[in-house]
Amino acid sequence: MKAVSGSEGDAPVDSSANQTPRIFGQLPMLAVPDEFNEPLPDAEIAAWVGHAP
């Protein structure tokens, strides 16, 4: 463990947290729909940026 200096003071950084390799296949029934990469509707974009449709 090492400390990182910053404007908020020293904070410990635990590099051992990422030592376990990822295990793929945790959600075997997960399916991404074909339209996943389609552009979002204007109303959806407005909701994300904080404007009401």
N, C-alpha and C. Protein backbone atom coordinates (compact mmCIF):
# COMPACT_ATOMS: atom_id res chain seq x y z
N MET A 1 0.85 -1.17 0.00
CA MET A 1 0.00 0.00 0.00
C MET A 1 0.90 1.23 0.00
N LYS A 2 0.52 2.22 -0.79
CA LYS A 2 1.28 3.46 -0.83
C LYS A 2 0.31 4.62 -0.70
N ALA A 3 0.84 5.79 -0.39
CA ALA A 3 0.01 6.98 -0.24
C ALA A 3 0.19 7.86 -1.46
N VAL A 4 -0.90 8.50 -1.85
CA VAL A 4 -0.88 9.43 -2.98
C VAL A 4 -1.20 10.81 -2.43
N SER A 5 -0.36 11.79 -2.74
CA SER A 5 -0.60 13.14 -2.27
C SER A 5 -1.52 13.87 -3.22
N GLY A 6 -2.36 14.70 -2.67
CA GLY A 6 -3.28 15.50 -3.47
C GLY A 6 -3.74 16.69 -2.68
N SER A 7 -4.67 17.43 -3.25
CA SER A 7 -5.15 18.64 -2.59
C SER A 7 -5.92 18.32 -1.31
N GLU A 8 -6.45 17.11 -1.20
CA GLU A 8 -7.21 16.73 -0.01
C GLU A 8 -6.35 16.02 1.02
N GLY A 9 -5.06 15.93 0.81
CA GLY A 9 -4.18 15.25 1.75
C GLY A 9 -3.73 13.92 1.20
N ASP A 10 -3.15 13.11 2.06
CA ASP A 10 -2.65 11.81 1.63
C ASP A 10 -3.75 10.76 1.77
N ALA A 11 -3.91 9.95 0.75
CA ALA A 11 -4.90 8.88 0.76
C ALA A 11 -4.21 7.58 0.41
N PRO A 12 -4.48 6.51 1.16
CA PRO A 12 -3.86 5.23 0.83
C PRO A 12 -4.43 4.66 -0.46
N VAL A 13 -3.58 4.04 -1.25
CA VAL A 13 -3.99 3.39 -2.48
C VAL A 13 -3.68 1.91 -2.33
N ASP A 14 -4.69 1.07 -2.42
CA ASP A 14 -4.51 -0.36 -2.26
C ASP A 14 -4.46 -1.00 -3.64
N SER A 15 -3.25 -1.26 -4.13
CA SER A 15 -3.10 -1.83 -5.46
C SER A 15 -3.44 -3.32 -5.50
N SER A 16 -3.61 -3.95 -4.35
CA SER A 16 -3.93 -5.38 -4.33
C SER A 16 -5.39 -5.64 -4.68
N ALA A 17 -6.22 -4.61 -4.74
CA ALA A 17 -7.64 -4.79 -5.03
C ALA A 17 -7.88 -5.32 -6.43
N ASN A 18 -6.97 -5.09 -7.36
CA ASN A 18 -7.16 -5.51 -8.74
C ASN A 18 -6.31 -6.73 -9.10
N GLN A 19 -5.89 -7.49 -8.13
CA GLN A 19 -5.03 -8.63 -8.39
C GLN A 19 -5.79 -9.87 -8.86
N THR A 20 -7.08 -9.99 -8.54
CA THR A 20 -7.85 -11.16 -8.93
C THR A 20 -8.31 -11.01 -10.37
N PRO A 21 -8.02 -11.99 -11.23
CA PRO A 21 -8.46 -11.87 -12.62
C PRO A 21 -9.98 -11.95 -12.72
N ARG A 22 -10.52 -11.29 -13.72
CA ARG A 22 -11.96 -11.32 -13.93
C ARG A 22 -12.39 -12.68 -14.46
N ILE A 23 -13.58 -13.08 -14.04
CA ILE A 23 -14.16 -14.33 -14.52
C ILE A 23 -15.31 -13.97 -15.44
N PHE A 24 -15.19 -14.33 -16.70
CA PHE A 24 -16.24 -14.02 -17.66
C PHE A 24 -17.31 -15.10 -17.64
N GLY A 25 -18.49 -14.74 -18.07
CA GLY A 25 -19.59 -15.69 -18.11
C GLY A 25 -20.46 -15.65 -16.87
N GLN A 26 -20.38 -14.59 -16.09
CA GLN A 26 -21.17 -14.48 -14.86
C GLN A 26 -22.66 -14.32 -15.15
N LEU A 27 -23.00 -13.77 -16.31
CA LEU A 27 -24.40 -13.57 -16.69
C LEU A 27 -24.66 -14.31 -18.00
N PRO A 28 -24.77 -15.62 -17.97
CA PRO A 28 -24.88 -16.38 -19.21
C PRO A 28 -26.15 -16.09 -20.00
N MET A 29 -27.19 -15.60 -19.36
CA MET A 29 -28.45 -15.32 -20.07
C MET A 29 -28.52 -13.88 -20.58
N LEU A 30 -27.49 -13.10 -20.35
CA LEU A 30 -27.49 -11.71 -20.80
C LEU A 30 -27.38 -11.66 -22.31
N ALA A 31 -28.29 -10.93 -22.93
CA ALA A 31 -28.26 -10.77 -24.39
C ALA A 31 -28.36 -9.28 -24.70
N VAL A 32 -27.53 -8.81 -25.59
CA VAL A 32 -27.55 -7.42 -26.01
C VAL A 32 -28.42 -7.35 -27.27
N PRO A 33 -29.48 -6.54 -27.24
CA PRO A 33 -30.36 -6.47 -28.41
C PRO A 33 -29.66 -5.84 -29.61
N ASP A 34 -30.14 -6.17 -30.81
CA ASP A 34 -29.54 -5.66 -32.04
C ASP A 34 -29.58 -4.14 -32.12
N GLU A 35 -30.61 -3.52 -31.55
CA GLU A 35 -30.75 -2.06 -31.63
C GLU A 35 -29.95 -1.32 -30.55
N PHE A 36 -29.09 -2.02 -29.82
CA PHE A 36 -28.32 -1.41 -28.74
C PHE A 36 -27.51 -0.21 -29.20
N ASN A 37 -26.91 -0.27 -30.38
CA ASN A 37 -26.06 0.80 -30.87
C ASN A 37 -26.80 1.86 -31.69
N GLU A 38 -28.11 1.76 -31.76
CA GLU A 38 -28.90 2.76 -32.48
C GLU A 38 -28.87 4.08 -31.71
N PRO A 39 -28.99 5.22 -32.41
CA PRO A 39 -29.03 6.51 -31.71
C PRO A 39 -30.23 6.59 -30.76
N LEU A 40 -30.04 7.27 -29.65
CA LEU A 40 -31.13 7.45 -28.69
C LEU A 40 -32.14 8.45 -29.22
N PRO A 41 -33.41 8.29 -28.84
CA PRO A 41 -34.42 9.28 -29.21
C PRO A 41 -34.11 10.63 -28.54
N ASP A 42 -34.57 11.71 -29.16
CA ASP A 42 -34.31 13.05 -28.63
C ASP A 42 -34.81 13.21 -27.19
N ALA A 43 -35.96 12.60 -26.86
CA ALA A 43 -36.49 12.70 -25.50
C ALA A 43 -35.55 12.04 -24.48
N GLU A 44 -34.94 10.94 -24.86
CA GLU A 44 -34.01 10.25 -23.96
C GLU A 44 -32.75 11.09 -23.74
N ILE A 45 -32.22 11.66 -24.80
CA ILE A 45 -31.04 12.52 -24.69
C ILE A 45 -31.35 13.72 -23.81
N ALA A 46 -32.52 14.32 -24.01
CA ALA A 46 -32.92 15.48 -23.20
C ALA A 46 -33.00 15.11 -21.73
N ALA A 47 -33.49 13.92 -21.42
CA ALA A 47 -33.60 13.49 -20.03
C ALA A 47 -32.22 13.34 -19.39
N TRP A 48 -31.23 12.87 -20.15
CA TRP A 48 -29.88 12.69 -19.62
C TRP A 48 -29.16 14.01 -19.41
N VAL A 49 -29.43 15.01 -20.22
CA VAL A 49 -28.73 16.28 -20.08
C VAL A 49 -29.51 17.26 -19.20
N GLY A 50 -30.66 16.83 -18.68
CA GLY A 50 -31.39 17.64 -17.72
C GLY A 50 -32.47 18.54 -18.29
N HIS A 51 -32.89 18.28 -19.51
CA HIS A 51 -33.97 19.06 -20.11
C HIS A 51 -35.21 18.19 -20.23
N ALA A 52 -36.35 18.76 -19.92
CA ALA A 52 -37.60 18.03 -20.09
C ALA A 52 -37.97 18.03 -21.57
N PRO A 53 -38.55 16.92 -22.06
CA PRO A 53 -38.92 16.88 -23.49
C PRO A 53 -40.04 17.82 -23.84
